[in-house]
Amino acid sequence: MFTNTIIGNIAHMETAVYDGREFLAIKLYVKDSDNNTCVVKFNNSNGLLTAYTNGILKTGHQLILTQWEVRINSIRTHYTKDDDLVALKYPEVALTRVRVVMGASPLPKAVAESTPTPTLEEVPF
């Protein structure tokens, strides 16, 4: 167990059912202090599932994971393919007991593409 704050952006999410209970399976892209990317995986069956089904939670949305007793379920760096060991592009860490705070939402694609980048002369001081 450890105490920490992890900030990342949703790379993938999907609903799943296990033992008759529905939950949201989430993968976050997280950058470390050396700018390396890893994937943090966790499940949620309350607030984030509701936000996803209501169309509020989208891929690219920032999530902040916090908790006093986060548990690492697994760390995966390789997989086997045709009896060969292959490295994952992004190592994966699976967590439980996380508390999630929704951060910034991604800009709609039309807005992101139409937003000009200001020049130095246009930036107010």
C-alpha atoms as a PDB file:
ATOM      1  CA  MET A   1       0.000   0.000   0.000  1.00  0.00           C
ATOM      2  CA  PHE A   2       1.083   3.536  -0.638  1.00  0.00           C
ATOM      3  CA  THR A   3      -0.165   7.086  -0.480  1.00  0.00           C
ATOM      4  CA  ASN A   4       0.212   9.149  -3.590  1.00  0.00           C
ATOM      5  CA  THR A   5      -1.444  11.348  -6.162  1.00  0.00           C
ATOM      6  CA  ILE A   6      -1.437  10.273  -9.796  1.00  0.00           C
ATOM      7  CA  ILE A   7      -2.588  12.616 -12.562  1.00  0.00           C
ATOM      8  CA  GLY A   8      -3.265  11.258 -16.039  1.00  0.00           C
ATOM      9  CA  ASN A   9      -5.533  11.397 -19.043  1.00  0.00           C
ATOM     10  CA  ILE A  10      -8.021   8.716 -20.045  1.00  0.00           C
ATOM     11  CA  ALA A  11      -6.628   6.628 -22.910  1.00  0.00           C
ATOM     12  CA  HIS A  12      -9.428   4.032 -23.017  1.00  0.00           C
ATOM     13  CA  MET A  13     -12.548   3.103 -21.074  1.00  0.00           C
ATOM     14  CA  GLU A  14     -15.300   0.559 -21.459  1.00  0.00           C
ATOM     15  CA  THR A  15     -18.122  -0.886 -19.423  1.00  0.00           C
ATOM     16  CA  ALA A  16     -17.851  -4.480 -18.273  1.00  0.00           C
ATOM     17  CA  VAL A  17     -19.903  -6.872 -16.176  1.00  0.00           C
ATOM     18  CA  TYR A  18     -18.445  -9.298 -13.664  1.00  0.00           C
ATOM     19  CA  ASP A  19     -20.475 -11.474 -11.320  1.00  0.00           C
ATOM     20  CA  GLY A  20     -23.632  -9.552 -12.256  1.00  0.00           C
ATOM     21  CA  ARG A  21     -22.141  -6.131 -11.398  1.00  0.00           C
ATOM     22  CA  GLU A  22     -21.444  -3.451 -13.997  1.00  0.00           C
ATOM     23  CA  PHE A  23     -18.297  -1.323 -13.763  1.00  0.00           C
ATOM     24  CA  LEU A  24     -16.164   0.991 -15.871  1.00  0.00           C
ATOM     25  CA  ALA A  25     -12.681  -0.279 -16.785  1.00  0.00           C
ATOM     26  CA  ILE A  26     -10.345   2.697 -17.252  1.00  0.00           C
ATOM     27  CA  LYS A  27      -6.810   3.066 -18.642  1.00  0.00           C
ATOM     28  CA  LEU A  28      -4.933   6.308 -17.989  1.00  0.00           C
ATOM     29  CA  TYR A  29      -1.783   7.526 -19.687  1.00  0.00           C
ATOM     30  CA  VAL A  30       0.507   8.883 -16.977  1.00  0.00           C
ATOM     31  CA  LYS A  31       3.882  10.572 -17.452  1.00  0.00           C
ATOM     32  CA  ASP A  32       6.577  10.200 -14.815  1.00  0.00           C
ATOM     33  CA  SER A  33       9.161  12.807 -13.796  1.00  0.00           C
ATOM     34  CA  ASP A  34      11.450  11.677 -16.645  1.00  0.00           C
ATOM     35  CA  ASN A  35       8.620  12.145 -19.199  1.00  0.00           C
ATOM     36  CA  ASN A  36       8.166   8.372 -19.704  1.00  0.00           C
ATOM     37  CA  THR A  37       4.602   7.160 -20.237  1.00  0.00           C
ATOM     38  CA  CYS A  38       2.951   4.252 -18.446  1.00  0.00           C
ATOM     39  CA  VAL A  39      -0.620   2.995 -18.260  1.00  0.00           C
ATOM     40  CA  VAL A  40      -2.509   2.961 -14.967  1.00  0.00           C
ATOM     41  CA  LYS A  41      -5.561   0.686 -14.944  1.00  0.00           C
ATOM     42  CA  PHE A  42      -8.429   0.631 -12.449  1.00  0.00           C
ATOM     43  CA  ASN A  43     -12.167  -0.015 -12.239  1.00  0.00           C
ATOM     44  CA  ASN A  44     -14.966   2.197 -10.945  1.00  0.00           C
ATOM     45  CA  SER A  45     -18.612   1.327 -10.373  1.00  0.00           C
ATOM     46  CA  ASN A  46     -20.087   4.561  -9.058  1.00  0.00           C
ATOM     47  CA  GLY A  47     -19.427   8.191 -10.049  1.00  0.00           C
ATOM     48  CA  LEU A  48     -17.240   7.630 -13.103  1.00  0.00           C
ATOM     49  CA  LEU A  49     -19.549   4.935 -14.461  1.00  0.00           C
ATOM     50  CA  THR A  50     -22.464   7.357 -14.143  1.00  0.00           C
ATOM     51  CA  ALA A  51     -20.479  10.177 -15.792  1.00  0.00           C
ATOM     52  CA  TYR A  52     -19.540   7.824 -18.647  1.00  0.00           C
ATOM     53  CA  THR A  53     -23.093   6.602 -19.257  1.00  0.00           C
ATOM     54  CA  ASN A  54     -24.350  10.219 -19.151  1.00  0.00           C
ATOM     55  CA  GLY A  55     -21.787  11.232 -21.793  1.00  0.00           C
ATOM     56  CA  ILE A  56     -19.840  13.563 -19.484  1.00  0.00           C
ATOM     57  CA  LEU A  57     -16.658  11.482 -19.179  1.00  0.00           C
ATOM     58  CA  LYS A  58     -14.695  11.301 -22.440  1.00  0.00           C
ATOM     59  CA  THR A  59     -11.378   9.947 -23.673  1.00  0.00           C
ATOM     60  CA  GLY A  60      -8.688  12.541 -22.939  1.00  0.00           C
ATOM     61  CA  HIS A  61     -10.391  13.694 -19.730  1.00  0.00           C
ATOM     62  CA  GLN A  62      -7.910  14.320 -16.921  1.00  0.00           C
ATOM     63  CA  LEU A  63      -8.329  12.247 -13.758  1.00  0.00           C
ATOM     64  CA  ILE A  64      -6.597  12.697 -10.417  1.00  0.00           C
ATOM     65  CA  LEU A  65      -6.183   9.479  -8.410  1.00  0.00           C
ATOM     66  CA  THR A  66      -5.711   9.802  -4.664  1.00  0.00           C
ATOM     67  CA  GLN A  67      -6.181   7.640  -1.591  1.00  0.00           C
ATOM     68  CA  TRP A  68      -4.474   6.698   1.629  1.00  0.00           C
ATOM     69  CA  GLU A  69      -4.345   2.968   0.941  1.00  0.00           C
ATOM     70  CA  VAL A  70      -3.897   2.500  -2.791  1.00  0.00           C
ATOM     71  CA  ARG A  71      -3.063  -1.101  -3.617  1.00  0.00           C
ATOM     72  CA  ILE A  72      -0.984  -2.253  -6.555  1.00  0.00           C
ATOM     73  CA  ASN A  73      -2.623  -5.387  -7.947  1.00  0.00           C
ATOM     74  CA  SER A  74      -0.130  -5.995 -10.715  1.00  0.00           C
ATOM     75  CA  ILE A  75       2.659  -4.509 -12.781  1.00  0.00           C
ATOM     76  CA  ARG A  76       3.042  -5.735 -16.338  1.00  0.00           C
ATOM     77  CA  THR A  77       5.940  -4.870 -18.647  1.00  0.00           C
ATOM     78  CA  HIS A  78       5.967  -7.814 -21.103  1.00  0.00           C
ATOM     79  CA  TYR A  79       3.672 -10.310 -22.783  1.00  0.00           C
ATOM     80  CA  THR A  80       4.253 -13.512 -24.731  1.00  0.00           C
ATOM     81  CA  LYS A  81       3.597 -13.811 -28.452  1.00  0.00           C
ATOM     82  CA  ASP A  82       4.400 -17.036 -30.299  1.00  0.00           C
ATOM     83  CA  ASP A  83       6.513 -18.181 -27.318  1.00  0.00           C
ATOM     84  CA  ASP A  84       8.577 -14.963 -27.448  1.00  0.00           C
ATOM     85  CA  LEU A  85       8.725 -12.345 -24.713  1.00  0.00           C
ATOM     86  CA  VAL A  86       7.668  -8.940 -26.078  1.00  0.00           C
ATOM     87  CA  ALA A  87       7.961  -5.630 -24.186  1.00  0.00           C
ATOM     88  CA  LEU A  88       4.835  -3.508 -23.888  1.00  0.00           C
ATOM     89  CA  LYS A  89       5.053  -0.068 -25.467  1.00  0.00           C
ATOM     90  CA  TYR A  90       3.751   1.377 -22.174  1.00  0.00           C
ATOM     91  CA  PRO A  91       4.189  -0.607 -18.924  1.00  0.00           C
ATOM     92  CA  GLU A  92       0.916  -1.171 -17.029  1.00  0.00           C
ATOM     93  CA  VAL A  93       0.128  -0.793 -13.346  1.00  0.00           C
ATOM     94  CA  ALA A  94      -3.242  -2.068 -12.051  1.00  0.00           C
ATOM     95  CA  LEU A  95      -4.558  -0.372  -8.878  1.00  0.00           C
ATOM     96  CA  THR A  96      -7.427  -0.807  -6.429  1.00  0.00           C
ATOM     97  CA  ARG A  97      -8.780   1.388  -3.630  1.00  0.00           C
ATOM     98  CA  VAL A  98      -8.257   4.579  -5.579  1.00  0.00           C
ATOM     99  CA  ARG A  99     -10.314   7.697  -5.090  1.00  0.00           C
ATOM    100  CA  VAL A 100     -10.863   9.681  -8.288  1.00  0.00           C
ATOM    101  CA  VAL A 101     -11.339  13.397  -8.826  1.00  0.00           C
ATOM    102  CA  MET A 102     -12.307  14.545 -12.310  1.00  0.00           C
ATOM    103  CA  GLY A 103      -9.938  17.182 -13.648  1.00  0.00           C
ATOM    104  CA  ALA A 104      -9.946  19.146 -16.884  1.00  0.00           C
ATOM    105  CA  SER A 105     -12.085  17.882 -19.722  1.00  0.00           C
ATOM    106  CA  PRO A 106     -10.734  17.744 -23.262  1.00  0.00           C
ATOM    107  CA  LEU A 107     -11.705  20.480 -25.695  1.00  0.00           C
ATOM    108  CA  PRO A 108     -14.189  19.454 -28.376  1.00  0.00           C
ATOM    109  CA  LYS A 109     -12.302  18.672 -31.596  1.00  0.00           C
ATOM    110  CA  ALA A 110     -13.835  21.586 -33.537  1.00  0.00           C
ATOM    111  CA  VAL A 111     -12.890  24.043 -30.790  1.00  0.00           C
ATOM    112  CA  ALA A 112      -9.357  22.651 -30.419  1.00  0.00           C
ATOM    113  CA  GLU A 113      -8.738  22.890 -34.178  1.00  0.00           C
ATOM    114  CA  SER A 114     -10.158  26.412 -34.477  1.00  0.00           C
ATOM    115  CA  THR A 115      -8.339  27.868 -31.459  1.00  0.00           C
ATOM    116  CA  PRO A 116      -5.378  29.864 -32.772  1.00  0.00           C
ATOM    117  CA  THR A 117      -2.081  29.877 -30.930  1.00  0.00           C
ATOM    118  CA  PRO A 118      -1.291  33.476 -29.915  1.00  0.00           C
ATOM    119  CA  THR A 119       1.931  35.053 -31.021  1.00  0.00           C
ATOM    120  CA  LEU A 120       4.273  36.638 -28.501  1.00  0.00           C
ATOM    121  CA  GLU A 121       2.952  40.111 -29.395  1.00  0.00           C
ATOM    122  CA  GLU A 122      -0.619  39.009 -28.583  1.00  0.00           C
ATOM    123  CA  VAL A 123       0.137  37.621 -25.110  1.00  0.00           C
ATOM    124  CA  PRO A 124      -0.820  40.221 -22.459  1.00  0.00           C
ATOM    125  CA  PHE A 125       1.708  41.010 -19.733  1.00  0.00           C
END
